[in-house]
C-alpha cells in the first residue's frame, strides 16, 4: 500500500508552509520582472515595512498607545517575510517537519496556537531587549517555538520509557551549536534572542496544551522524586 501524499500533514501545517513559500515566490517573481512591473523589485522591502517587526513597533504600541491593526498584525506576520530564499527554504522545511511531529501529539489548532503565540513572545522579548530599528524577520522564531513544544513531548516520552530525559534537549543543543558556528563565520545578529524566547515559550505552552496538561507534568515530576 502506497503512503498518502505528504505523510498526512495537518492542513494547518500545510497552510503555514504555503504562506512562507508563497510570499517568497511572489518576491522572486517580482525580482525576475514577471509580476509587478518596475515596482515589483521593491516588493520585499515594502512588505518588510508593512508587515515586519522591529523594536520601534513595540515602542509605538506601548509608549505611544498605537494599538491599531496595522501595528498589532506585525507580531504575527513577520515570520512569513524572510530576507532571502535560503532562509525561506529552511523555515518552510522545519515548519513542515516539526509541524508534523507536534500535530500528532497536540492537534492542528493547538499547533497553530503555539506557532502564533511563540512568534508574539519572541517579538515581545526582542523588542524589549534590542534598541534601534533592527528588524526581526523570518519564521525561525515560531519554528523554535515548535521545537520547544516537541522537546516537552520528547521529555515526557523519555520519562515514560525510563530513559534519560536530557536527551530531549539534543535537538535544541545541536541547533544552537550550528547557529553559533554560522554566527562566528558570517556574523551574528540579534534574532537568536527572539528564537530562544520562542523556544522557552513553546515549552511553557506545551505543558497546558498537552494531553493531561499540568497534571501530567506533576505526575512525571512526582514519579521522578
N, C-alpha and C. Protein backbone atom coordinates (compact mmCIF):
# COMPACT_ATOMS: atom_id res chain seq x y z
N UNK A 1 0.84 -1.19 0.00
CA UNK A 1 0.00 0.00 0.00
C UNK A 1 0.89 1.25 0.00
N UNK A 2 0.64 2.18 -0.91
CA UNK A 2 1.46 3.38 -1.01
C UNK A 2 1.09 4.36 0.08
N UNK A 3 2.08 5.17 0.49
CA UNK A 3 1.85 6.16 1.51
C UNK A 3 1.01 7.30 0.96
N UNK A 4 0.23 7.90 1.83
CA UNK A 4 -0.59 9.03 1.40
C UNK A 4 0.30 10.24 1.14
N UNK A 5 -0.18 11.18 0.32
CA UNK A 5 0.65 12.35 -0.03
C UNK A 5 1.07 13.13 1.21
N UNK A 6 2.33 13.59 1.17
CA UNK A 6 2.96 14.42 2.20
C UNK A 6 2.63 13.94 3.61
N UNK A 7 2.57 12.62 3.75
CA UNK A 7 2.53 11.98 5.07
C UNK A 7 1.39 12.49 5.96
N UNK A 8 0.22 12.74 5.37
CA UNK A 8 -0.94 13.16 6.16
C UNK A 8 -0.66 14.38 7.01
N UNK A 9 0.00 15.35 6.45
CA UNK A 9 0.27 16.59 7.18
C UNK A 9 -1.04 17.31 7.50
N UNK A 10 -1.06 17.96 8.66
CA UNK A 10 -2.23 18.73 9.05
C UNK A 10 -2.45 19.89 8.08
N UNK A 11 -3.71 20.20 7.75
CA UNK A 11 -3.97 21.37 6.90
C UNK A 11 -3.40 22.66 7.48
N UNK A 12 -3.37 22.76 8.81
CA UNK A 12 -2.79 23.95 9.45
C UNK A 12 -1.31 24.08 9.11
N UNK A 13 -0.58 22.98 9.21
CA UNK A 13 0.85 23.00 8.92
C UNK A 13 1.09 23.30 7.44
N UNK A 14 0.30 22.70 6.58
CA UNK A 14 0.43 22.96 5.14
C UNK A 14 0.17 24.43 4.85
N UNK A 15 -0.84 24.99 5.49
CA UNK A 15 -1.17 26.39 5.25
C UNK A 15 -0.04 27.31 5.71
N UNK A 16 0.56 27.01 6.85
CA UNK A 16 1.69 27.83 7.33
C UNK A 16 2.85 27.77 6.35
N UNK A 17 3.18 26.56 5.89
CA UNK A 17 4.28 26.42 4.94
C UNK A 17 3.98 27.13 3.62
N UNK A 18 2.73 27.05 3.16
CA UNK A 18 2.36 27.70 1.91
C UNK A 18 2.44 29.22 2.03
N UNK A 19 2.11 29.76 3.19
CA UNK A 19 2.24 31.20 3.38
C UNK A 19 3.70 31.64 3.30
N UNK A 20 4.58 30.84 3.91
CA UNK A 20 6.01 31.13 3.87
C UNK A 20 6.53 31.05 2.44
N UNK A 21 6.20 29.95 1.76
CA UNK A 21 6.69 29.73 0.39
C UNK A 21 6.04 30.71 -0.57
N UNK A 22 4.74 30.95 -0.40
CA UNK A 22 4.01 31.82 -1.31
C UNK A 22 4.54 33.24 -1.31
N UNK A 23 4.83 33.76 -0.12
CA UNK A 23 5.36 35.13 -0.05
C UNK A 23 6.69 35.22 -0.77
N UNK A 24 7.56 34.23 -0.54
CA UNK A 24 8.87 34.25 -1.20
C UNK A 24 8.73 34.08 -2.71
N UNK A 25 7.79 33.26 -3.15
CA UNK A 25 7.57 33.06 -4.59
C UNK A 25 7.18 34.38 -5.26
N UNK A 26 6.34 35.15 -4.58
CA UNK A 26 5.94 36.46 -5.14
C UNK A 26 7.15 37.37 -5.25
N UNK A 27 7.97 37.40 -4.20
CA UNK A 27 9.17 38.26 -4.23
C UNK A 27 10.12 37.84 -5.35
N UNK A 28 10.31 36.54 -5.53
CA UNK A 28 11.21 36.06 -6.56
C UNK A 28 10.68 36.37 -7.96
N UNK A 29 9.39 36.20 -8.17
CA UNK A 29 8.79 36.52 -9.46
C UNK A 29 8.88 38.02 -9.74
N UNK A 30 8.70 38.81 -8.69
CA UNK A 30 8.80 40.27 -8.87
C UNK A 30 10.23 40.67 -9.22
N UNK A 31 11.21 40.06 -8.54
CA UNK A 31 12.62 40.37 -8.84
C UNK A 31 12.99 39.98 -10.26
N UNK A 32 12.35 38.93 -10.76
CA UNK A 32 12.62 38.49 -12.13
C UNK A 32 11.86 39.30 -13.17
N UNK A 33 11.03 40.24 -12.69
CA UNK A 33 10.28 41.09 -13.61
C UNK A 33 9.05 40.43 -14.20
N UNK A 34 8.62 39.29 -13.61
CA UNK A 34 7.48 38.56 -14.15
C UNK A 34 6.15 39.07 -13.61
N UNK A 35 6.18 39.72 -12.46
CA UNK A 35 4.97 40.33 -11.90
C UNK A 35 5.35 41.68 -11.29
N UNK A 36 4.38 42.56 -11.26
CA UNK A 36 4.57 43.84 -10.57
C UNK A 36 5.24 44.93 -11.36
N UNK A 37 5.82 44.59 -12.51
CA UNK A 37 6.49 45.61 -13.29
C UNK A 37 7.70 46.19 -12.57
N UNK A 38 8.07 47.42 -12.87
CA UNK A 38 9.24 48.04 -12.24
C UNK A 38 9.12 48.15 -10.72
N UNK A 39 7.91 48.30 -10.21
CA UNK A 39 7.72 48.44 -8.76
C UNK A 39 7.92 47.11 -8.03
N UNK A 40 7.81 46.01 -8.77
CA UNK A 40 7.89 44.70 -8.14
C UNK A 40 9.22 44.44 -7.46
N UNK A 41 10.28 45.06 -7.96
CA UNK A 41 11.61 44.86 -7.39
C UNK A 41 11.65 45.28 -5.93
N UNK A 42 10.84 46.25 -5.57
CA UNK A 42 10.84 46.74 -4.20
C UNK A 42 9.77 46.13 -3.31
N UNK A 43 9.10 45.07 -3.78
CA UNK A 43 8.01 44.49 -3.00
C UNK A 43 8.47 43.90 -1.67
N UNK A 44 9.67 43.28 -1.67
CA UNK A 44 10.14 42.70 -0.40
C UNK A 44 10.34 43.79 0.65
N UNK A 45 10.99 44.86 0.26
CA UNK A 45 11.22 45.96 1.20
C UNK A 45 9.90 46.59 1.62
N UNK A 46 8.97 46.68 0.69
CA UNK A 46 7.66 47.23 1.03
C UNK A 46 6.94 46.32 2.03
N UNK A 47 7.06 44.99 1.82
CA UNK A 47 6.44 44.04 2.75
C UNK A 47 7.08 44.12 4.12
N UNK A 48 8.41 44.29 4.16
CA UNK A 48 9.10 44.44 5.44
C UNK A 48 8.59 45.68 6.17
N UNK A 49 8.40 46.75 5.42
CA UNK A 49 7.91 47.99 6.02
C UNK A 49 6.49 47.88 6.54
N UNK A 50 5.65 47.06 5.88
CA UNK A 50 4.25 46.96 6.27
C UNK A 50 3.96 45.82 7.24
N UNK A 51 4.72 44.72 7.12
CA UNK A 51 4.40 43.53 7.91
C UNK A 51 5.54 43.03 8.79
N UNK A 52 6.73 43.65 8.68
CA UNK A 52 7.85 43.24 9.51
C UNK A 52 7.74 43.80 10.92
N UNK A 53 8.58 43.26 11.80
CA UNK A 53 8.59 43.72 13.19
C UNK A 53 9.95 44.32 13.51
N UNK A 54 9.95 45.33 14.39
CA UNK A 54 11.19 45.92 14.90
C UNK A 54 10.90 46.47 16.28
N UNK A 55 11.95 46.75 17.06
CA UNK A 55 11.72 47.34 18.39
C UNK A 55 10.89 48.62 18.33
N UNK A 56 10.99 49.36 17.23
CA UNK A 56 10.21 50.59 17.09
C UNK A 56 8.71 50.31 17.10
N UNK A 57 8.32 49.13 16.62
CA UNK A 57 6.90 48.76 16.62
C UNK A 57 6.40 48.61 18.05
N UNK A 58 7.17 47.89 18.88
CA UNK A 58 6.78 47.70 20.27
C UNK A 58 6.74 49.04 21.02
N UNK A 59 7.71 49.88 20.74
CA UNK A 59 7.74 51.19 21.38
C UNK A 59 6.52 52.02 20.99
N UNK A 60 6.16 51.93 19.73
CA UNK A 60 4.99 52.71 19.28
C UNK A 60 3.71 52.20 19.93
N UNK A 61 3.62 50.88 20.10
CA UNK A 61 2.43 50.30 20.73
C UNK A 61 2.34 50.69 22.20
N UNK A 62 3.46 50.51 22.93
CA UNK A 62 3.44 50.71 24.38
C UNK A 62 3.58 52.18 24.77
N UNK A 63 4.53 52.86 24.15
CA UNK A 63 4.81 54.25 24.55
C UNK A 63 3.79 55.23 23.97
N UNK A 64 3.41 55.02 22.72
CA UNK A 64 2.50 55.95 22.07
C UNK A 64 1.05 55.47 22.09
N UNK A 65 0.83 54.26 22.57
CA UNK A 65 -0.53 53.75 22.66
C UNK A 65 -1.17 53.47 21.32
N UNK A 66 -0.36 53.15 20.31
CA UNK A 66 -0.89 52.85 18.99
C UNK A 66 -1.24 51.36 18.91
N UNK A 67 -2.48 51.03 19.25
CA UNK A 67 -2.95 49.65 19.23
C UNK A 67 -3.72 49.34 17.94
N UNK A 68 -3.36 50.02 16.89
CA UNK A 68 -4.05 49.83 15.62
C UNK A 68 -3.74 48.46 15.03
N UNK A 69 -4.60 48.03 14.15
CA UNK A 69 -4.42 46.73 13.50
C UNK A 69 -3.11 46.68 12.74
N UNK A 70 -2.74 47.78 12.09
CA UNK A 70 -1.51 47.84 11.30
C UNK A 70 -0.28 47.58 12.16
N UNK A 71 -0.32 47.97 13.42
CA UNK A 71 0.81 47.72 14.32
C UNK A 71 0.76 46.31 14.89
N UNK A 72 -0.40 45.90 15.39
CA UNK A 72 -0.51 44.61 16.08
C UNK A 72 -0.31 43.43 15.14
N UNK A 73 -0.71 43.57 13.89
CA UNK A 73 -0.60 42.45 12.96
C UNK A 73 0.84 42.06 12.71
N UNK A 74 1.77 42.99 12.92
CA UNK A 74 3.18 42.73 12.67
C UNK A 74 3.76 41.65 13.60
N UNK A 75 3.14 41.49 14.77
CA UNK A 75 3.62 40.49 15.73
C UNK A 75 3.44 39.07 15.21
N UNK A 76 2.53 38.89 14.25
CA UNK A 76 2.29 37.54 13.71
C UNK A 76 2.55 37.42 12.21
N UNK A 77 2.85 38.54 11.55
CA UNK A 77 3.13 38.47 10.11
C UNK A 77 4.61 38.42 9.78
N UNK A 78 5.46 38.89 10.71
CA UNK A 78 6.89 38.92 10.40
C UNK A 78 7.47 37.53 10.08
N UNK A 79 6.95 36.42 10.65
CA UNK A 79 7.54 35.11 10.31
C UNK A 79 7.40 34.73 8.84
N UNK A 80 6.48 35.36 8.13
CA UNK A 80 6.23 34.99 6.74
C UNK A 80 7.00 35.88 5.76
N UNK A 81 7.77 36.84 6.28
CA UNK A 81 8.58 37.72 5.44
C UNK A 81 10.05 37.39 5.70
N UNK A 82 10.63 36.55 4.87
CA UNK A 82 12.03 36.16 5.03
C UNK A 82 12.92 37.09 4.21
N UNK A 83 14.20 37.12 4.58
CA UNK A 83 15.10 38.07 3.93
C UNK A 83 15.65 37.52 2.61
N UNK A 84 15.67 36.20 2.45
CA UNK A 84 16.15 35.63 1.19
C UNK A 84 15.67 34.19 1.07
N UNK A 85 15.90 33.60 -0.10
CA UNK A 85 15.28 32.33 -0.43
C UNK A 85 15.80 31.17 0.41
N UNK A 86 17.08 31.21 0.81
CA UNK A 86 17.63 30.12 1.62
C UNK A 86 16.94 30.07 2.98
N UNK A 87 16.77 31.23 3.61
CA UNK A 87 16.06 31.28 4.88
C UNK A 87 14.64 30.75 4.72
N UNK A 88 13.99 31.12 3.62
CA UNK A 88 12.65 30.64 3.35
C UNK A 88 12.60 29.13 3.28
N UNK A 89 13.56 28.53 2.56
CA UNK A 89 13.58 27.08 2.39
C UNK A 89 13.73 26.37 3.73
N UNK A 90 14.64 26.86 4.58
CA UNK A 90 14.85 26.25 5.90
C UNK A 90 13.60 26.40 6.77
N UNK A 91 13.02 27.60 6.77
CA UNK A 91 11.84 27.83 7.60
C UNK A 91 10.66 26.96 7.17
N UNK A 92 10.45 26.85 5.87
CA UNK A 92 9.34 26.04 5.37
C UNK A 92 9.57 24.57 5.68
N UNK A 93 10.79 24.07 5.46
CA UNK A 93 11.09 22.66 5.71
C UNK A 93 10.95 22.32 7.19
N UNK A 94 11.47 23.17 8.06
CA UNK A 94 11.38 22.92 9.51
C UNK A 94 9.95 23.03 10.00
N UNK A 95 9.19 23.95 9.43
CA UNK A 95 7.78 24.08 9.80
C UNK A 95 7.01 22.82 9.45
N UNK A 96 7.26 22.27 8.27
CA UNK A 96 6.59 21.04 7.85
C UNK A 96 6.99 19.86 8.74
N UNK A 97 8.30 19.73 8.98
CA UNK A 97 8.79 18.58 9.76
C UNK A 97 8.32 18.65 11.21
N UNK A 98 8.57 19.78 11.86
CA UNK A 98 8.18 19.92 13.26
C UNK A 98 6.66 20.00 13.41
N UNK A 99 6.01 20.59 12.41
CA UNK A 99 4.55 20.64 12.44
C UNK A 99 3.95 19.26 12.41
N UNK A 100 4.53 18.37 11.60
CA UNK A 100 4.03 17.00 11.54
C UNK A 100 4.18 16.31 12.89
N UNK A 101 5.35 16.42 13.49
CA UNK A 101 5.59 15.76 14.78
C UNK A 101 4.67 16.30 15.87
N UNK A 102 4.54 17.62 15.93
CA UNK A 102 3.77 18.22 17.02
C UNK A 102 2.26 18.05 16.84
N UNK A 103 1.76 18.08 15.61
CA UNK A 103 0.33 17.89 15.42
C UNK A 103 -0.11 16.48 15.76
N UNK A 104 0.77 15.52 15.63
CA UNK A 104 0.44 14.15 16.01
C UNK A 104 0.15 14.05 17.50
N UNK A 105 0.70 14.97 18.27
CA UNK A 105 0.53 14.94 19.72
C UNK A 105 -0.48 15.98 20.20
N UNK A 106 -0.42 17.19 19.64
CA UNK A 106 -1.27 18.29 20.11
C UNK A 106 -2.52 18.50 19.27
N UNK A 107 -2.45 18.18 17.98
CA UNK A 107 -3.54 18.52 17.08
C UNK A 107 -3.25 19.84 16.36
N UNK A 108 -3.89 20.02 15.23
CA UNK A 108 -3.59 21.16 14.37
C UNK A 108 -3.85 22.52 14.98
N UNK A 109 -5.00 22.72 15.63
CA UNK A 109 -5.34 24.03 16.17
C UNK A 109 -4.41 24.44 17.30
N UNK A 110 -4.00 23.48 18.13
CA UNK A 110 -3.08 23.81 19.21
C UNK A 110 -1.69 24.13 18.67
N UNK A 111 -1.30 23.46 17.62
CA UNK A 111 -0.01 23.77 17.00
C UNK A 111 -0.05 25.18 16.40
N UNK A 112 -1.17 25.54 15.80
CA UNK A 112 -1.32 26.91 15.28
C UNK A 112 -1.20 27.92 16.42
N UNK A 113 -1.82 27.61 17.56
CA UNK A 113 -1.72 28.50 18.72
C UNK A 113 -0.28 28.62 19.20
N UNK A 114 0.44 27.49 19.25
CA UNK A 114 1.85 27.51 19.65
C UNK A 114 2.66 28.36 18.68
N UNK A 115 2.41 28.18 17.38
CA UNK A 115 3.16 28.92 16.36
C UNK A 115 2.96 30.43 16.52
N UNK A 116 1.72 30.85 16.66
CA UNK A 116 1.43 32.28 16.72
C UNK A 116 1.85 32.90 18.06
N UNK A 117 1.57 32.20 19.16
CA UNK A 117 1.90 32.76 20.48
C UNK A 117 3.41 32.85 20.67
N UNK A 118 4.16 31.85 20.21
CA UNK A 118 5.62 31.91 20.34
C UNK A 118 6.22 32.99 19.43
N UNK A 119 5.58 33.23 18.29
CA UNK A 119 6.03 34.34 17.44
C UNK A 119 5.84 35.67 18.17
N UNK A 120 4.70 35.82 18.84
CA UNK A 120 4.43 37.04 19.60
C UNK A 120 5.39 37.16 20.77
N UNK A 121 5.61 36.06 21.50
CA UNK A 121 6.50 36.09 22.65
C UNK A 121 7.92 36.47 22.24
N UNK A 122 8.39 35.88 21.14
CA UNK A 122 9.73 36.21 20.65
C UNK A 122 9.86 37.67 20.27
N UNK A 123 8.82 38.20 19.63
CA UNK A 123 8.83 39.61 19.23
C UNK A 123 8.82 40.53 20.45
N UNK A 124 8.05 40.17 21.46
CA UNK A 124 7.98 40.99 22.67
C UNK A 124 9.33 41.06 23.38
N UNK A 125 9.98 39.91 23.52
CA UNK A 125 11.29 39.91 24.19
C UNK A 125 12.31 40.65 23.34
N UNK A 126 12.31 40.38 22.05
CA UNK A 126 13.25 41.04 21.13
C UNK A 126 13.07 42.56 21.19
N UNK A 127 11.83 43.01 21.11
CA UNK A 127 11.56 44.44 21.13
C UNK A 127 11.89 45.09 22.45
N UNK A 128 11.83 44.30 23.54
CA UNK A 128 12.14 44.84 24.86
C UNK A 128 13.63 44.94 25.12
N UNK A 129 14.41 44.05 24.51
CA UNK A 129 15.84 43.97 24.78
C UNK A 129 16.67 44.79 23.79
N UNK A 130 16.29 44.74 22.52
CA UNK A 130 17.07 45.38 21.46
C UNK A 130 16.65 46.83 21.29
N UNK A 131 17.61 47.70 21.12
CA UNK A 131 17.34 49.10 20.85
C UNK A 131 17.54 49.39 19.37
N UNK A 132 16.86 50.40 18.89
CA UNK A 132 17.00 50.76 17.49
C UNK A 132 15.92 50.15 16.63
N UNK A 133 16.20 50.06 15.34
CA UNK A 133 15.20 49.59 14.38
C UNK A 133 15.61 48.31 13.66
N UNK A 134 16.52 47.54 14.25
CA UNK A 134 16.92 46.28 13.61
C UNK A 134 15.72 45.37 13.47
N UNK A 135 15.35 45.01 12.24
CA UNK A 135 14.11 44.24 12.05
C UNK A 135 14.24 42.79 12.48
N UNK A 136 13.13 42.23 12.91
CA UNK A 136 13.02 40.80 13.20
C UNK A 136 12.16 40.20 12.10
N UNK A 137 12.77 39.33 11.29
CA UNK A 137 12.08 38.78 10.12
C UNK A 137 12.30 37.28 10.04
N UNK A 138 11.39 36.61 9.36
CA UNK A 138 11.56 35.18 9.09
C UNK A 138 10.92 34.29 10.13
N UNK A 139 10.76 33.02 9.73
CA UNK A 139 9.99 32.08 10.54
C UNK A 139 10.75 31.29 11.57
N UNK A 140 12.01 31.65 11.85
CA UNK A 140 12.77 30.84 12.79
C UNK A 140 12.25 30.97 14.23
N UNK A 141 11.71 32.11 14.61
CA UNK A 141 11.23 32.27 15.98
C UNK A 141 10.10 31.30 16.30
N UNK A 142 9.01 31.24 15.50
CA UNK A 142 7.98 30.24 15.79
C UNK A 142 8.44 28.81 15.53
N UNK A 143 9.42 28.62 14.64
CA UNK A 143 9.99 27.28 14.47
C UNK A 143 10.64 26.82 15.77
N UNK A 144 11.37 27.72 16.41
CA UNK A 144 11.94 27.39 17.72
C UNK A 144 10.84 27.15 18.74
N UNK A 145 9.71 27.82 18.59
CA UNK A 145 8.57 27.55 19.46
C UNK A 145 8.06 26.13 19.29
N UNK A 146 7.99 25.65 18.04
CA UNK A 146 7.60 24.26 17.77
C UNK A 146 8.64 23.30 18.33
N UNK A 147 9.92 23.69 18.24
CA UNK A 147 10.98 22.85 18.82
C UNK A 147 10.79 22.75 20.33
N UNK A 148 10.41 23.85 20.96
CA UNK A 148 10.16 23.83 22.40
C UNK A 148 9.03 22.88 22.76
N UNK A 149 7.93 22.92 22.00
CA UNK A 149 6.81 22.02 22.25
C UNK A 149 7.22 20.57 22.01
N UNK A 150 7.97 20.34 20.94
CA UNK A 150 8.44 18.99 20.62
C UNK A 150 9.39 18.48 21.70
N UNK A 151 10.22 19.36 22.22
CA UNK A 151 11.14 18.98 23.30
C UNK A 151 10.37 18.51 24.53
N UNK A 152 9.30 19.20 24.85
CA UNK A 152 8.50 18.80 26.01
C UNK A 152 7.88 17.42 25.79
N UNK A 153 7.39 17.19 24.57
CA UNK A 153 6.81 15.88 24.25
C UNK A 153 7.87 14.78 24.41
N UNK A 154 9.06 15.03 23.86
CA UNK A 154 10.13 14.04 23.99
C UNK A 154 10.50 13.82 25.46
N UNK A 155 10.52 14.89 26.24
CA UNK A 155 10.84 14.79 27.66
C UNK A 155 9.86 13.87 28.38
N UNK A 156 8.56 14.02 28.05
CA UNK A 156 7.55 13.16 28.65
C UNK A 156 7.72 11.71 28.22
N UNK A 157 7.93 11.51 26.93
CA UNK A 157 8.02 10.15 26.41
C UNK A 157 9.26 9.42 26.92
N UNK A 158 10.37 10.13 27.01
CA UNK A 158 11.58 9.51 27.55
C UNK A 158 11.40 9.14 29.01
N UNK A 159 10.67 9.99 29.74
CA UNK A 159 10.39 9.69 31.13
C UNK A 159 9.52 8.46 31.27
N UNK A 160 8.51 8.34 30.40
CA UNK A 160 7.64 7.17 30.44
C UNK A 160 8.41 5.89 30.13
N UNK A 161 9.43 6.02 29.27
CA UNK A 161 10.22 4.85 28.89
C UNK A 161 11.35 4.57 29.87
N UNK A 162 11.50 5.44 30.89
CA UNK A 162 12.56 5.26 31.87
C UNK A 162 13.94 5.58 31.35
N UNK A 163 14.01 6.42 30.28
CA UNK A 163 15.29 6.79 29.69
C UNK A 163 15.72 8.17 30.16
N UNK A 164 16.93 8.54 29.81
CA UNK A 164 17.48 9.84 30.20
C UNK A 164 16.72 10.96 29.51
N UNK A 165 16.02 11.78 30.30
CA UNK A 165 15.18 12.82 29.72
C UNK A 165 15.97 14.00 29.17
N UNK A 166 17.23 14.11 29.55
CA UNK A 166 18.06 15.18 28.99
C UNK A 166 18.26 15.02 27.49
N UNK A 167 18.06 13.82 26.98
CA UNK A 167 18.18 13.60 25.53
C UNK A 167 17.16 14.42 24.76
N UNK A 168 16.08 14.83 25.42
CA UNK A 168 15.05 15.62 24.75
C UNK A 168 15.60 16.97 24.28
N UNK A 169 16.70 17.42 24.91
CA UNK A 169 17.25 18.73 24.58
C UNK A 169 18.38 18.65 23.56
N UNK A 170 18.58 17.48 22.96
CA UNK A 170 19.65 17.33 21.99
C UNK A 170 19.41 18.17 20.75
N UNK A 171 18.15 18.24 20.29
CA UNK A 171 17.85 18.99 19.07
C UNK A 171 18.14 20.47 19.25
N UNK A 172 17.67 21.06 20.34
CA UNK A 172 17.91 22.48 20.55
C UNK A 172 19.40 22.73 20.76
N UNK A 173 20.09 21.80 21.43
CA UNK A 173 21.54 21.95 21.61
C UNK A 173 22.28 21.92 20.29
N UNK A 174 21.88 21.02 19.40
CA UNK A 174 22.51 20.94 18.09
C UNK A 174 22.27 22.21 17.28
N UNK A 175 21.04 22.71 17.30
CA UNK A 175 20.72 23.91 16.53
C UNK A 175 21.46 25.13 17.06
N UNK A 176 21.58 25.22 18.37
CA UNK A 176 22.31 26.36 18.95
C UNK A 176 23.79 26.30 18.59
N UNK A 177 24.36 25.09 18.61
CA UNK A 177 25.76 24.94 18.21
C UNK A 177 25.95 25.30 16.74
N UNK A 178 25.00 24.87 15.90
CA UNK A 178 25.06 25.19 14.49
C UNK A 178 24.94 26.69 14.27
N UNK A 179 24.03 27.30 15.00
CA UNK A 179 23.83 28.74 14.87
C UNK A 179 25.06 29.51 15.33
N UNK A 180 25.70 29.03 16.39
CA UNK A 180 26.93 29.67 16.88
C UNK A 180 28.02 29.59 15.82
N UNK A 181 28.13 28.45 15.17
CA UNK A 181 29.13 28.30 14.11
C UNK A 181 28.89 29.25 12.96
N UNK A 182 27.63 29.36 12.52
CA UNK A 182 27.31 30.29 11.43
C UNK A 182 27.56 31.73 11.87
N UNK A 183 27.26 32.02 13.14
CA UNK A 183 27.47 33.37 13.64
C UNK A 183 28.93 33.76 13.64
N UNK A 184 29.79 32.81 14.01
CA UNK A 184 31.22 33.09 14.02
C UNK A 184 31.77 33.31 12.62
N UNK A 185 31.17 32.61 11.65
CA UNK A 185 31.66 32.70 10.27
C UNK A 185 31.09 33.92 9.55
N UNK A 186 29.78 34.09 9.67
CA UNK A 186 29.10 35.12 8.87
C UNK A 186 28.69 36.34 9.68
N UNK A 187 28.89 36.28 10.98
CA UNK A 187 28.45 37.39 11.81
C UNK A 187 27.05 37.15 12.36
N UNK A 188 26.90 37.34 13.64
CA UNK A 188 25.62 37.05 14.29
C UNK A 188 24.83 38.32 14.53
N UNK A 189 23.54 38.25 14.28
CA UNK A 189 22.65 39.35 14.61
C UNK A 189 22.03 39.10 15.98
N UNK A 190 20.87 39.66 16.18
CA UNK A 190 20.19 39.52 17.47
C UNK A 190 18.94 38.67 17.40
N UNK A 191 18.69 38.04 16.26
CA UNK A 191 17.48 37.23 16.12
C UNK A 191 17.47 36.07 17.10
N UNK A 192 18.65 35.62 17.55
CA UNK A 192 18.71 34.49 18.48
C UNK A 192 17.98 34.79 19.78
N UNK A 193 17.88 36.06 20.14
CA UNK A 193 17.14 36.43 21.34
C UNK A 193 15.67 36.06 21.19
N UNK A 194 15.09 36.40 20.05
CA UNK A 194 13.70 36.04 19.78
C UNK A 194 13.53 34.54 19.66
N UNK A 195 14.51 33.88 19.04
CA UNK A 195 14.40 32.43 18.82
C UNK A 195 14.44 31.66 20.14
N UNK A 196 15.37 32.02 21.03
CA UNK A 196 15.42 31.36 22.34
C UNK A 196 14.17 31.66 23.16
N UNK A 197 13.66 32.88 23.02
CA UNK A 197 12.42 33.23 23.71
C UNK A 197 11.25 32.41 23.17
N UNK A 198 11.25 32.21 21.85
CA UNK A 198 10.22 31.37 21.25
C UNK A 198 10.31 29.94 21.73
N UNK A 199 11.53 29.42 21.86
CA UNK A 199 11.73 28.06 22.37
C UNK A 199 11.17 27.93 23.78
N UNK A 200 11.54 28.88 24.65
CA UNK A 200 11.07 28.84 26.03
C UNK A 200 9.55 28.93 26.10
N UNK A 201 8.98 29.82 25.28
CA UNK A 201 7.53 29.95 25.25
C UNK A 201 6.87 28.67 24.75
N UNK A 202 7.52 28.00 23.80
CA UNK A 202 6.98 26.74 23.28
C UNK A 202 6.93 25.66 24.34
N UNK A 203 7.98 25.57 25.16
CA UNK A 203 8.00 24.60 26.25
C UNK A 203 6.88 24.89 27.25
N UNK A 204 6.76 26.16 27.64
CA UNK A 204 5.74 26.55 28.63
C UNK A 204 4.34 26.31 28.09
N UNK A 205 4.09 26.68 26.84
CA UNK A 205 2.77 26.49 26.25
C UNK A 205 2.41 25.01 26.11
N UNK A 206 3.42 24.19 25.84
CA UNK A 206 3.17 22.77 25.64
C UNK A 206 2.61 22.11 26.89
N UNK A 207 2.94 22.63 28.06
CA UNK A 207 2.52 21.99 29.31
C UNK A 207 1.00 21.98 29.44
N UNK A 208 0.30 23.13 29.36
CA UNK A 208 -1.16 23.08 29.47
C UNK A 208 -1.85 22.52 28.22
N UNK A 209 -1.22 22.63 27.06
CA UNK A 209 -1.87 22.18 25.83
C UNK A 209 -1.72 20.68 25.59
N UNK A 210 -0.73 20.06 26.23
CA UNK A 210 -0.53 18.62 26.05
C UNK A 210 -1.65 17.83 26.73
N UNK A 211 -1.95 16.64 26.23
CA UNK A 211 -2.93 15.79 26.90
C UNK A 211 -2.54 15.56 28.36
N UNK A 212 -3.47 15.83 29.26
CA UNK A 212 -3.17 15.70 30.69
C UNK A 212 -2.75 17.00 31.32
N UNK A 213 -2.28 17.97 30.51
CA UNK A 213 -1.95 19.29 31.00
C UNK A 213 -0.98 19.30 32.16
N UNK A 214 -1.25 20.18 33.12
CA UNK A 214 -0.38 20.34 34.28
C UNK A 214 -0.34 19.07 35.13
N UNK A 215 -1.45 18.32 35.13
CA UNK A 215 -1.50 17.09 35.92
C UNK A 215 -0.46 16.09 35.43
N UNK A 216 -0.28 16.03 34.12
CA UNK A 216 0.72 15.12 33.55
C UNK A 216 2.13 15.53 33.98
N UNK A 217 2.41 16.82 33.97
CA UNK A 217 3.73 17.30 34.39
C UNK A 217 3.97 16.96 35.86
N UNK A 218 2.99 17.24 36.71
CA UNK A 218 3.14 16.95 38.14
C UNK A 218 3.33 15.45 38.37
N UNK A 219 2.61 14.65 37.60
CA UNK A 219 2.76 13.19 37.73
C UNK A 219 4.17 12.76 37.40
N UNK A 220 4.72 13.32 36.32
CA UNK A 220 6.08 12.96 35.91
C UNK A 220 7.10 13.40 36.96
N UNK A 221 6.92 14.62 37.49
CA UNK A 221 7.86 15.11 38.49
C UNK A 221 7.79 14.31 39.80
N UNK A 222 6.57 13.94 40.21
CA UNK A 222 6.41 13.16 41.43
C UNK A 222 6.96 11.74 41.26
N UNK A 223 6.82 11.22 40.07
CA UNK A 223 7.32 9.89 39.79
C UNK A 223 8.84 9.84 39.85
N UNK A 224 9.48 10.97 39.47
CA UNK A 224 10.95 11.03 39.50
C UNK A 224 11.47 11.19 40.92
N UNK A 225 10.67 11.85 41.78
CA UNK A 225 11.15 12.14 43.15
C UNK A 225 11.04 10.92 44.05
